[in-house]
Amino acid sequence: MLQITTAQLNAMIVAWVFPMVRVLAFLAAAPIFSNSGIPQRVKLIVGLAIGFAVAASLPPQNMSDPGSYIGLAILAEQMLIGAGLGFVMRVVFAAVDAAGSLIGLQMGLSFASFFDPQTQGQTAVIASIIGIIASLLFLSLNGHLMLIDALAHSFEWLPISAKPMRADGWLLLARSGSIIFSTGLLLSLPVVAALLMTNIALAVLTRAAPQLNLFAVGFPITSTIGIAVIWLSMPTLAYVLEGVFDEGIANIAVIARNWVP
């Protein structure tokens, strides 16, 4: 008859459950993996597979009773670490969505929106298109594999321990939210600049010919120029997004190291 002692059960929980919680929290917050179009069973199977692979590669952990208050605190801490690290890359994709929203606003297409199941809200069409392009580029660059690699290395940068995390990492995580505005503006700058010059030219034309119907002429012109600039900037956009993705992956390591007690 198989008998498992309390010490063996606690060792199994420490060895498997704690890493699994960090992995599942990371996948629940990270882009691509948390996409609502993926069935929940598939997400759970992928998370468990990654969690078992990561947990099997970790050295033995010597900790107190996982059912104690300290053990529950460690469990909550692993959940926060996983969600925080996944949020770092989520911010990068939020910057891409912000760029699409700015472009759609300048093109006059901000009213063209639909319900996006990913964000659970109304999303501009241009933002959705650019977001899909960014996601496909991220997958083509094996970004999902780089995320898993960063997650596995996070156990080296920030091992599971009973010591509380430092607040420096949370401060950096909060400051990373500025990427949404700075990177979003830089990504949309070519289209915004082209449309700004177009609107100035239309304003001058309206002053020269007051009988010209600006609302009937301006919208087709701004939409056409906006789409043309987006099409022309596509080859360069790939290189820019690649740099943004690399910066997001690097920020995961920086924030994890700043959490080390």
C-alpha atoms as a PDB file:
ATOM      1  CA  MET A   1       0.000   0.000   0.000  1.00  0.00           C
ATOM      2  CA  LEU A   2       1.335   3.398  -1.014  1.00  0.00           C
ATOM      3  CA  GLN A   3       1.758   5.742   1.907  1.00  0.00           C
ATOM      4  CA  ILE A   4       2.665   9.409   1.673  1.00  0.00           C
ATOM      5  CA  THR A   5       3.782  11.237   4.773  1.00  0.00           C
ATOM      6  CA  THR A   6       2.996  14.848   5.531  1.00  0.00           C
ATOM      7  CA  ALA A   7       6.610  15.826   4.877  1.00  0.00           C
ATOM      8  CA  GLN A   8       6.527  14.183   1.439  1.00  0.00           C
ATOM      9  CA  LEU A   9       3.241  15.864   0.580  1.00  0.00           C
ATOM     10  CA  ASN A  10       4.593  19.254   1.624  1.00  0.00           C
ATOM     11  CA  ALA A  11       7.719  18.662  -0.464  1.00  0.00           C
ATOM     12  CA  MET A  12       5.583  17.814  -3.510  1.00  0.00           C
ATOM     13  CA  ILE A  13       3.499  20.955  -3.063  1.00  0.00           C
ATOM     14  CA  VAL A  14       6.591  23.123  -2.763  1.00  0.00           C
ATOM     15  CA  ALA A  15       8.256  21.455  -5.749  1.00  0.00           C
ATOM     16  CA  TRP A  16       5.274  21.462  -8.126  1.00  0.00           C
ATOM     17  CA  VAL A  17       2.451  23.744  -6.998  1.00  0.00           C
ATOM     18  CA  PHE A  18       4.445  26.904  -6.314  1.00  0.00           C
ATOM     19  CA  PRO A  19       6.170  26.978  -9.744  1.00  0.00           C
ATOM     20  CA  MET A  20       2.893  25.994 -11.403  1.00  0.00           C
ATOM     21  CA  VAL A  21       1.101  28.976  -9.884  1.00  0.00           C
ATOM     22  CA  ARG A  22       3.699  31.402 -11.262  1.00  0.00           C
ATOM     23  CA  VAL A  23       3.514  29.798 -14.714  1.00  0.00           C
ATOM     24  CA  LEU A  24      -0.289  29.818 -14.885  1.00  0.00           C
ATOM     25  CA  ALA A  25      -0.495  33.420 -13.654  1.00  0.00           C
ATOM     26  CA  PHE A  26       2.071  34.449 -16.259  1.00  0.00           C
ATOM     27  CA  LEU A  27       0.167  32.776 -19.093  1.00  0.00           C
ATOM     28  CA  ALA A  28      -3.103  34.314 -17.881  1.00  0.00           C
ATOM     29  CA  ALA A  29      -1.630  37.824 -18.184  1.00  0.00           C
ATOM     30  CA  ALA A  30       0.799  37.507 -21.105  1.00  0.00           C
ATOM     31  CA  PRO A  31      -0.382  38.355 -24.628  1.00  0.00           C
ATOM     32  CA  ILE A  32      -1.047  35.608 -27.201  1.00  0.00           C
ATOM     33  CA  PHE A  33      -1.418  32.978 -24.453  1.00  0.00           C
ATOM     34  CA  SER A  34      -4.309  34.844 -22.813  1.00  0.00           C
ATOM     35  CA  ASN A  35      -6.180  35.389 -26.072  1.00  0.00           C
ATOM     36  CA  SER A  36      -9.885  34.807 -25.512  1.00  0.00           C
ATOM     37  CA  GLY A  37     -10.091  32.941 -28.829  1.00  0.00           C
ATOM     38  CA  ILE A  38      -8.070  30.070 -27.375  1.00  0.00           C
ATOM     39  CA  PRO A  39     -10.252  27.517 -25.523  1.00  0.00           C
ATOM     40  CA  GLN A  40      -9.798  27.402 -21.776  1.00  0.00           C
ATOM     41  CA  ARG A  41      -8.904  23.712 -21.861  1.00  0.00           C
ATOM     42  CA  VAL A  42      -6.095  24.371 -24.337  1.00  0.00           C
ATOM     43  CA  LYS A  43      -4.758  27.181 -22.138  1.00  0.00           C
ATOM     44  CA  LEU A  44      -4.848  24.919 -19.091  1.00  0.00           C
ATOM     45  CA  ILE A  45      -3.118  22.038 -20.887  1.00  0.00           C
ATOM     46  CA  VAL A  46      -0.386  24.335 -22.234  1.00  0.00           C
ATOM     47  CA  GLY A  47       0.070  25.932 -18.813  1.00  0.00           C
ATOM     48  CA  LEU A  48       0.314  22.578 -17.038  1.00  0.00           C
ATOM     49  CA  ALA A  49       2.778  21.248 -19.624  1.00  0.00           C
ATOM     50  CA  ILE A  50       5.019  24.307 -19.287  1.00  0.00           C
ATOM     51  CA  GLY A  51       4.651  24.256 -15.503  1.00  0.00           C
ATOM     52  CA  PHE A  52       5.679  20.597 -15.205  1.00  0.00           C
ATOM     53  CA  ALA A  53       8.650  21.162 -17.506  1.00  0.00           C
ATOM     54  CA  VAL A  54       9.827  24.190 -15.527  1.00  0.00           C
ATOM     55  CA  ALA A  55       9.215  22.601 -12.117  1.00  0.00           C
ATOM     56  CA  ALA A  56      11.145  19.470 -13.083  1.00  0.00           C
ATOM     57  CA  SER A  57      14.220  21.541 -13.910  1.00  0.00           C
ATOM     58  CA  LEU A  58      14.300  23.430 -10.598  1.00  0.00           C
ATOM     59  CA  PRO A  59      16.518  22.367  -7.689  1.00  0.00           C
ATOM     60  CA  PRO A  60      14.885  21.014  -4.505  1.00  0.00           C
ATOM     61  CA  GLN A  61      13.278  23.687  -2.333  1.00  0.00           C
ATOM     62  CA  ASN A  62      13.589  23.750   1.460  1.00  0.00           C
ATOM     63  CA  MET A  63      10.669  25.698   2.882  1.00  0.00           C
ATOM     64  CA  SER A  64       8.256  25.679   5.768  1.00  0.00           C
ATOM     65  CA  ASP A  65       4.827  24.090   5.748  1.00  0.00           C
ATOM     66  CA  PRO A  66       2.988  25.283   2.591  1.00  0.00           C
ATOM     67  CA  GLY A  67      -0.277  25.208   4.548  1.00  0.00           C
ATOM     68  CA  SER A  68       0.970  27.767   7.047  1.00  0.00           C
ATOM     69  CA  TYR A  69       0.563  31.520   6.740  1.00  0.00           C
ATOM     70  CA  ILE A  70       4.063  31.796   5.301  1.00  0.00           C
ATOM     71  CA  GLY A  71       3.282  29.115   2.731  1.00  0.00           C
ATOM     72  CA  LEU A  72       0.078  30.872   1.684  1.00  0.00           C
ATOM     73  CA  ALA A  73       1.991  34.158   1.434  1.00  0.00           C
ATOM     74  CA  ILE A  74       4.548  32.487  -0.845  1.00  0.00           C
ATOM     75  CA  LEU A  75       1.706  31.123  -2.980  1.00  0.00           C
ATOM     76  CA  ALA A  76       0.173  34.589  -3.333  1.00  0.00           C
ATOM     77  CA  GLU A  77       3.599  36.038  -4.062  1.00  0.00           C
ATOM     78  CA  GLN A  78       4.166  33.577  -6.933  1.00  0.00           C
ATOM     79  CA  MET A  79       0.802  34.528  -8.366  1.00  0.00           C
ATOM     80  CA  LEU A  80       1.706  38.221  -8.253  1.00  0.00           C
ATOM     81  CA  ILE A  81       5.115  37.576  -9.809  1.00  0.00           C
ATOM     82  CA  GLY A  82       3.633  35.629 -12.715  1.00  0.00           C
ATOM     83  CA  ALA A  83       0.912  38.179 -13.378  1.00  0.00           C
ATOM     84  CA  GLY A  84       3.385  41.062 -13.095  1.00  0.00           C
ATOM     85  CA  LEU A  85       5.851  39.543 -15.542  1.00  0.00           C
ATOM     86  CA  GLY A  86       3.066  38.807 -18.015  1.00  0.00           C
ATOM     87  CA  PHE A  87       1.777  42.360 -17.647  1.00  0.00           C
ATOM     88  CA  VAL A  88       5.136  43.709 -18.859  1.00  0.00           C
ATOM     89  CA  MET A  89       4.552  42.276 -22.332  1.00  0.00           C
ATOM     90  CA  ARG A  90       0.886  43.171 -22.202  1.00  0.00           C
ATOM     91  CA  VAL A  91       1.944  46.823 -21.956  1.00  0.00           C
ATOM     92  CA  VAL A  92       3.866  46.489 -25.237  1.00  0.00           C
ATOM     93  CA  PHE A  93       0.768  45.292 -27.087  1.00  0.00           C
ATOM     94  CA  ALA A  94      -1.267  48.025 -25.411  1.00  0.00           C
ATOM     95  CA  ALA A  95       1.162  50.528 -26.965  1.00  0.00           C
ATOM     96  CA  VAL A  96       0.426  49.024 -30.394  1.00  0.00           C
ATOM     97  CA  ASP A  97      -3.316  49.371 -29.742  1.00  0.00           C
ATOM     98  CA  ALA A  98      -2.801  52.982 -28.653  1.00  0.00           C
ATOM     99  CA  ALA A  99      -0.931  53.684 -31.894  1.00  0.00           C
ATOM    100  CA  GLY A 100      -3.795  52.215 -33.903  1.00  0.00           C
ATOM    101  CA  SER A 101      -6.320  54.298 -31.975  1.00  0.00           C
ATOM    102  CA  LEU A 102      -4.354  57.505 -32.655  1.00  0.00           C
ATOM    103  CA  ILE A 103      -4.084  56.663 -36.342  1.00  0.00           C
ATOM    104  CA  GLY A 104      -7.801  55.917 -36.584  1.00  0.00           C
ATOM    105  CA  LEU A 105      -8.619  59.171 -34.790  1.00  0.00           C
ATOM    106  CA  GLN A 106      -6.517  61.228 -37.198  1.00  0.00           C
ATOM    107  CA  MET A 107      -7.949  59.430 -40.228  1.00  0.00           C
ATOM    108  CA  GLY A 108     -11.489  60.086 -39.067  1.00  0.00           C
ATOM    109  CA  LEU A 109     -12.168  56.386 -38.610  1.00  0.00           C
ATOM    110  CA  SER A 110     -12.526  56.439 -34.842  1.00  0.00           C
ATOM    111  CA  PHE A 111     -16.268  55.921 -35.252  1.00  0.00           C
ATOM    112  CA  ALA A 112     -15.607  52.683 -37.188  1.00  0.00           C
ATOM    113  CA  SER A 113     -15.372  50.338 -34.231  1.00  0.00           C
ATOM    114  CA  PHE A 114     -16.677  46.950 -33.218  1.00  0.00           C
ATOM    115  CA  PHE A 115     -16.717  44.748 -30.135  1.00  0.00           C
ATOM    116  CA  ASP A 116     -13.316  43.141 -29.611  1.00  0.00           C
ATOM    117  CA  PRO A 117     -13.515  39.961 -27.494  1.00  0.00           C
ATOM    118  CA  GLN A 118      -9.842  40.355 -26.591  1.00  0.00           C
ATOM    119  CA  THR A 119     -10.275  43.720 -24.856  1.00  0.00           C
ATOM    120  CA  GLN A 120     -13.953  43.152 -23.978  1.00  0.00           C
ATOM    121  CA  GLY A 121     -14.849  46.559 -25.400  1.00  0.00           C
ATOM    122  CA  GLN A 122     -15.218  48.681 -28.512  1.00  0.00           C
ATOM    123  CA  THR A 123     -12.010  48.823 -30.557  1.00  0.00           C
ATOM    124  CA  ALA A 124     -11.253  50.935 -33.625  1.00  0.00           C
ATOM    125  CA  VAL A 125     -10.858  49.014 -36.866  1.00  0.00           C
ATOM    126  CA  ILE A 126      -7.383  50.439 -37.560  1.00  0.00           C
ATOM    127  CA  ALA A 127      -6.235  49.499 -34.050  1.00  0.00           C
ATOM    128  CA  SER A 128      -7.545  45.970 -34.542  1.00  0.00           C
ATOM    129  CA  ILE A 129      -5.762  45.593 -37.889  1.00  0.00           C
ATOM    130  CA  ILE A 130      -2.437  46.852 -36.541  1.00  0.00           C
ATOM    131  CA  GLY A 131      -2.858  44.650 -33.455  1.00  0.00           C
ATOM    132  CA  ILE A 132      -3.362  41.571 -35.641  1.00  0.00           C
ATOM    133  CA  ILE A 133      -0.273  42.469 -37.678  1.00  0.00           C
ATOM    134  CA  ALA A 134       1.755  42.902 -34.479  1.00  0.00           C
ATOM    135  CA  SER A 135       0.542  39.548 -33.137  1.00  0.00           C
ATOM    136  CA  LEU A 136       1.438  37.733 -36.366  1.00  0.00           C
ATOM    137  CA  LEU A 137       4.853  39.388 -36.389  1.00  0.00           C
ATOM    138  CA  PHE A 138       5.366  38.444 -32.749  1.00  0.00           C
ATOM    139  CA  LEU A 139       4.607  34.807 -33.548  1.00  0.00           C
ATOM    140  CA  SER A 140       6.822  34.830 -36.647  1.00  0.00           C
ATOM    141  CA  LEU A 141       9.716  36.088 -34.512  1.00  0.00           C
ATOM    142  CA  ASN A 142       9.113  33.231 -32.035  1.00  0.00           C
ATOM    143  CA  GLY A 143       8.109  35.774 -29.441  1.00  0.00           C
ATOM    144  CA  HIS A 144       5.933  33.222 -27.668  1.00  0.00           C
ATOM    145  CA  LEU A 145       8.990  30.995 -27.244  1.00  0.00           C
ATOM    146  CA  MET A 146      11.012  33.938 -25.940  1.00  0.00           C
ATOM    147  CA  LEU A 147       8.267  34.601 -23.383  1.00  0.00           C
ATOM    148  CA  ILE A 148       8.439  31.005 -22.185  1.00  0.00           C
ATOM    149  CA  ASP A 149      12.235  31.255 -22.019  1.00  0.00           C
ATOM    150  CA  ALA A 150      12.010  34.452 -19.951  1.00  0.00           C
ATOM    151  CA  LEU A 151       9.496  32.752 -17.664  1.00  0.00           C
ATOM    152  CA  ALA A 152      11.815  29.784 -17.137  1.00  0.00           C
ATOM    153  CA  HIS A 153      14.772  32.087 -16.425  1.00  0.00           C
ATOM    154  CA  SER A 154      12.684  34.077 -13.947  1.00  0.00           C
ATOM    155  CA  PHE A 155      13.137  31.197 -11.484  1.00  0.00           C
ATOM    156  CA  GLU A 156      16.891  31.829 -11.728  1.00  0.00           C
ATOM    157  CA  TRP A 157      16.591  35.597 -11.436  1.00  0.00           C
ATOM    158  CA  LEU A 158      13.944  35.408  -8.696  1.00  0.00           C
ATOM    159  CA  PRO A 159      13.919  32.011  -6.957  1.00  0.00           C
ATOM    160  CA  ILE A 160      10.983  30.888  -4.849  1.00  0.00           C
ATOM    161  CA  SER A 161      11.679  31.904  -1.259  1.00  0.00           C
ATOM    162  CA  ALA A 162       9.944  33.067   1.885  1.00  0.00           C
ATOM    163  CA  LYS A 163      11.671  36.461   1.745  1.00  0.00           C
ATOM    164  CA  PRO A 164       9.399  39.327   0.659  1.00  0.00           C
ATOM    165  CA  MET A 165      10.065  40.997  -2.671  1.00  0.00           C
ATOM    166  CA  ARG A 166      11.584  44.428  -2.942  1.00  0.00           C
ATOM    167  CA  ALA A 167       9.373  47.323  -3.968  1.00  0.00           C
ATOM    168  CA  ASP A 168      11.805  48.465  -6.685  1.00  0.00           C
ATOM    169  CA  GLY A 169      10.387  45.967  -9.146  1.00  0.00           C
ATOM    170  CA  TRP A 170       6.831  47.188  -8.628  1.00  0.00           C
ATOM    171  CA  LEU A 171       7.998  50.762  -9.183  1.00  0.00           C
ATOM    172  CA  LEU A 172       9.602  49.770 -12.484  1.00  0.00           C
ATOM    173  CA  LEU A 173       6.462  47.867 -13.441  1.00  0.00           C
ATOM    174  CA  ALA A 174       4.346  50.958 -12.812  1.00  0.00           C
ATOM    175  CA  ARG A 175       6.757  53.133 -14.791  1.00  0.00           C
ATOM    176  CA  SER A 176       6.618  50.700 -17.703  1.00  0.00           C
ATOM    177  CA  GLY A 177       3.079  51.966 -18.292  1.00  0.00           C
ATOM    178  CA  SER A 178       4.633  55.031 -19.906  1.00  0.00           C
ATOM    179  CA  ILE A 179       5.554  52.767 -22.828  1.00  0.00           C
ATOM    180  CA  ILE A 180       1.895  52.828 -23.850  1.00  0.00           C
ATOM    181  CA  PHE A 181       2.034  56.575 -24.540  1.00  0.00           C
ATOM    182  CA  SER A 182       5.630  57.034 -25.723  1.00  0.00           C
ATOM    183  CA  THR A 183       5.844  53.981 -27.978  1.00  0.00           C
ATOM    184  CA  GLY A 184       2.262  54.380 -29.169  1.00  0.00           C
ATOM    185  CA  LEU A 185       2.957  57.950 -30.235  1.00  0.00           C
ATOM    186  CA  LEU A 186       6.220  57.014 -31.978  1.00  0.00           C
ATOM    187  CA  LEU A 187       4.549  54.168 -33.885  1.00  0.00           C
ATOM    188  CA  SER A 188       1.747  56.437 -35.074  1.00  0.00           C
ATOM    189  CA  LEU A 189       3.959  59.465 -35.748  1.00  0.00           C
ATOM    190  CA  PRO A 190       4.445  58.931 -39.539  1.00  0.00           C
ATOM    191  CA  VAL A 191       0.708  58.731 -40.185  1.00  0.00           C
ATOM    192  CA  VAL A 192      -0.104  61.507 -37.715  1.00  0.00           C
ATOM    193  CA  ALA A 193       2.494  63.834 -39.302  1.00  0.00           C
ATOM    194  CA  ALA A 194       1.257  63.095 -42.835  1.00  0.00           C
ATOM    195  CA  LEU A 195      -2.352  63.704 -41.851  1.00  0.00           C
ATOM    196  CA  LEU A 196      -1.415  66.886 -39.994  1.00  0.00           C
ATOM    197  CA  MET A 197       0.130  68.300 -43.179  1.00  0.00           C
ATOM    198  CA  THR A 198      -2.926  67.134 -45.105  1.00  0.00           C
ATOM    199  CA  ASN A 199      -5.292  68.917 -42.738  1.00  0.00           C
ATOM    200  CA  ILE A 200      -3.217  72.111 -42.945  1.00  0.00           C
ATOM    201  CA  ALA A 201      -3.339  71.930 -46.738  1.00  0.00           C
ATOM    202  CA  LEU A 202      -7.112  71.404 -46.638  1.00  0.00           C
ATOM    203  CA  ALA A 203      -7.491  74.376 -44.287  1.00  0.00           C
ATOM    204  CA  VAL A 204      -5.544  76.618 -46.666  1.00  0.00           C
ATOM    205  CA  LEU A 205      -7.591  75.296 -49.592  1.00  0.00           C
ATOM    206  CA  THR A 206     -10.817  76.032 -47.741  1.00  0.00           C
ATOM    207  CA  ARG A 207      -9.709  79.608 -47.083  1.00  0.00           C
ATOM    208  CA  ALA A 208      -8.838  80.016 -50.760  1.00  0.00           C
ATOM    209  CA  ALA A 209     -12.103  78.467 -51.954  1.00  0.00           C
ATOM    210  CA  PRO A 210     -14.823  78.935 -49.320  1.00  0.00           C
ATOM    211  CA  GLN A 211     -17.417  77.280 -51.544  1.00  0.00           C
ATOM    212  CA  LEU A 212     -15.516  73.981 -51.252  1.00  0.00           C
ATOM    213  CA  ASN A 213     -17.341  71.458 -49.071  1.00  0.00           C
ATOM    214  CA  LEU A 214     -14.599  70.420 -46.643  1.00  0.00           C
ATOM    215  CA  PHE A 215     -16.629  67.612 -45.059  1.00  0.00           C
ATOM    216  CA  ALA A 216     -17.346  66.003 -48.438  1.00  0.00           C
ATOM    217  CA  VAL A 217     -13.751  66.277 -49.696  1.00  0.00           C
ATOM    218  CA  GLY A 218     -11.650  66.075 -46.537  1.00  0.00           C
ATOM    219  CA  PHE A 219     -12.727  62.663 -45.281  1.00  0.00           C
ATOM    220  CA  PRO A 220     -11.885  60.695 -48.460  1.00  0.00           C
ATOM    221  CA  ILE A 221      -8.566  62.504 -48.778  1.00  0.00           C
ATOM    222  CA  THR A 222      -7.448  61.917 -45.173  1.00  0.00           C
ATOM    223  CA  SER A 223      -8.567  58.277 -45.283  1.00  0.00           C
ATOM    224  CA  THR A 224      -6.741  57.618 -48.556  1.00  0.00           C
ATOM    225  CA  ILE A 225      -3.535  59.321 -47.423  1.00  0.00           C
ATOM    226  CA  GLY A 226      -3.653  57.525 -44.065  1.00  0.00           C
ATOM    227  CA  ILE A 227      -4.037  54.110 -45.673  1.00  0.00           C
ATOM    228  CA  ALA A 228      -1.280  54.926 -48.181  1.00  0.00           C
ATOM    229  CA  VAL A 229       1.164  55.958 -45.431  1.00  0.00           C
ATOM    230  CA  ILE A 230       0.341  52.807 -43.422  1.00  0.00           C
ATOM    231  CA  TRP A 231       0.986  50.670 -46.511  1.00  0.00           C
ATOM    232  CA  LEU A 232       4.284  52.429 -47.259  1.00  0.00           C
ATOM    233  CA  SER A 233       5.448  52.160 -43.635  1.00  0.00           C
ATOM    234  CA  MET A 234       4.728  48.430 -43.304  1.00  0.00           C
ATOM    235  CA  PRO A 235       8.288  47.270 -44.196  1.00  0.00           C
ATOM    236  CA  THR A 236       9.776  49.633 -41.604  1.00  0.00           C
ATOM    237  CA  LEU A 237       7.095  48.823 -39.034  1.00  0.00           C
ATOM    238  CA  ALA A 238       8.375  45.254 -38.782  1.00  0.00           C
ATOM    239  CA  TYR A 239      11.832  46.391 -37.676  1.00  0.00           C
ATOM    240  CA  VAL A 240      10.396  48.916 -35.233  1.00  0.00           C
ATOM    241  CA  LEU A 241       8.060  46.362 -33.641  1.00  0.00           C
ATOM    242  CA  GLU A 242      10.912  43.870 -33.386  1.00  0.00           C
ATOM    243  CA  GLY A 243      12.853  46.396 -31.315  1.00  0.00           C
ATOM    244  CA  VAL A 244       9.793  47.092 -29.158  1.00  0.00           C
ATOM    245  CA  PHE A 245       9.314  43.364 -28.525  1.00  0.00           C
ATOM    246  CA  ASP A 246      12.983  42.940 -27.599  1.00  0.00           C
ATOM    247  CA  GLU A 247      12.699  45.825 -25.150  1.00  0.00           C
ATOM    248  CA  GLY A 248       9.642  44.215 -23.567  1.00  0.00           C
ATOM    249  CA  ILE A 249      11.444  40.882 -23.123  1.00  0.00           C
ATOM    250  CA  ALA A 250      14.437  42.696 -21.626  1.00  0.00           C
ATOM    251  CA  ASN A 251      12.170  44.549 -19.181  1.00  0.00           C
ATOM    252  CA  ILE A 252      10.927  41.209 -17.852  1.00  0.00           C
ATOM    253  CA  ALA A 253      14.473  40.343 -16.754  1.00  0.00           C
ATOM    254  CA  VAL A 254      15.069  43.828 -15.306  1.00  0.00           C
ATOM    255  CA  ILE A 255      11.869  43.825 -13.243  1.00  0.00           C
ATOM    256  CA  ALA A 256      12.413  40.263 -12.026  1.00  0.00           C
ATOM    257  CA  ARG A 257      15.937  41.105 -10.830  1.00  0.00           C
ATOM    258  CA  ASN A 258      14.640  44.209  -9.033  1.00  0.00           C
ATOM    259  CA  TRP A 259      12.238  42.000  -7.081  1.00  0.00           C
ATOM    260  CA  VAL A 260      15.084  39.945  -5.609  1.00  0.00           C
ATOM    261  CA  PRO A 261      15.101  40.479  -1.810  1.00  0.00           C
END
